[in-house]
Amino acid sequence: MNTAEAFLADIQKSINHGIKVSNSIPRKGMNVYLDKSTMVMQTFNDPSAFAKVKKVTARAGQSSCLRNVLDAGGRLQ
């Protein structure tokens, strides 16, 4: 094995390790409705981001989650 083959093998090993680490993180998701009949699955790799979205969109009594919309910058309030 020459230097170039060893270099490429090392890169492939690094990629495989990154995929393994990425797949070991549990993902959470929630259904998001674009309109009455169009549903998409939103997935979150970061548990804190999922918790924040669940908190913002949670309904409490008569309050509507429609009031907790994204601001103009695309950030959750």
Protein backbone atom coordinates (compact mmCIF):
# COMPACT_ATOMS: atom_id res chain seq x y z
CA MET A 1 0.00 0.00 0.00
CA ASN A 2 1.51 3.29 -1.04
CA THR A 3 1.04 6.65 0.64
CA ALA A 4 -1.93 7.72 -1.51
CA GLU A 5 -3.82 4.48 -0.84
CA ALA A 6 -3.12 4.78 2.89
CA PHE A 7 -4.34 8.38 2.83
CA LEU A 8 -7.59 7.42 1.05
CA ALA A 9 -8.12 4.48 3.43
CA ASP A 10 -7.67 6.83 6.39
CA ILE A 11 -10.21 9.27 4.94
CA GLN A 12 -12.73 6.45 4.43
CA LYS A 13 -12.13 5.24 8.00
CA SER A 14 -12.77 8.77 9.28
CA ILE A 15 -15.99 9.06 7.24
CA ASN A 16 -17.24 5.70 8.52
CA HIS A 17 -16.49 6.73 12.11
CA GLY A 18 -18.40 10.01 11.64
CA ILE A 19 -21.41 8.14 10.25
CA LYS A 20 -21.33 5.72 13.17
CA VAL A 21 -21.21 8.56 15.72
CA SER A 22 -23.98 10.44 13.90
CA ASN A 23 -26.24 7.40 13.84
CA SER A 24 -25.71 6.73 17.55
CA ILE A 25 -27.42 10.01 18.52
CA PRO A 26 -31.14 9.40 19.06
CA ARG A 27 -33.42 11.49 16.87
CA LYS A 28 -36.82 12.81 17.81
CA GLY A 29 -39.48 14.06 15.49
CA MET A 30 -42.85 15.68 15.29
CA ASN A 31 -45.51 16.01 12.62
CA VAL A 32 -45.81 19.47 11.11
CA TYR A 33 -48.84 20.30 8.98
CA LEU A 34 -48.26 22.69 6.10
CA ASP A 35 -52.02 22.88 5.53
CA LYS A 36 -55.07 20.76 6.38
CA SER A 37 -53.89 17.66 4.57
CA THR A 38 -50.14 18.05 4.00
CA MET A 39 -48.05 16.62 6.81
CA VAL A 40 -44.26 16.48 6.95
CA MET A 41 -42.06 14.87 9.58
CA GLN A 42 -39.65 17.32 11.20
CA THR A 43 -36.70 15.51 12.80
CA PHE A 44 -34.30 16.88 15.40
CA ASN A 45 -30.79 15.61 16.12
CA ASP A 46 -30.38 17.91 19.12
CA PRO A 47 -32.58 16.94 22.11
CA SER A 48 -32.57 20.54 23.44
CA ALA A 49 -33.91 21.87 20.12
CA PHE A 50 -36.72 19.30 20.21
CA ALA A 51 -37.57 20.24 23.81
CA LYS A 52 -37.70 23.93 22.88
CA VAL A 53 -40.03 23.28 19.93
CA LYS A 54 -42.31 21.09 22.06
CA LYS A 55 -42.47 23.84 24.68
CA VAL A 56 -43.27 26.55 22.13
CA THR A 57 -45.94 24.55 20.31
CA ALA A 58 -47.58 23.01 23.40
CA ARG A 59 -51.20 23.91 23.96
CA ALA A 60 -52.28 25.01 27.41
CA GLY A 61 -56.01 25.38 27.94
CA GLN A 62 -57.51 27.80 25.45
CA SER A 63 -54.19 29.13 24.15
CA SER A 64 -53.38 28.30 20.56
CA CYS A 65 -49.99 27.24 19.30
CA LEU A 66 -50.67 29.48 16.29
CA ARG A 67 -49.72 32.44 18.47
CA ASN A 68 -46.27 30.94 18.94
CA VAL A 69 -45.18 31.37 15.34
CA LEU A 70 -41.72 31.88 13.97
CA ASP A 71 -40.55 35.46 13.84
CA ALA A 72 -39.29 37.12 10.65
CA GLY A 73 -35.73 35.86 11.19
CA GLY A 74 -36.83 32.22 11.33
CA ARG A 75 -35.96 31.79 15.00
CA LEU A 76 -38.28 30.40 17.65
CA GLN A 77 -39.43 33.00 20.11
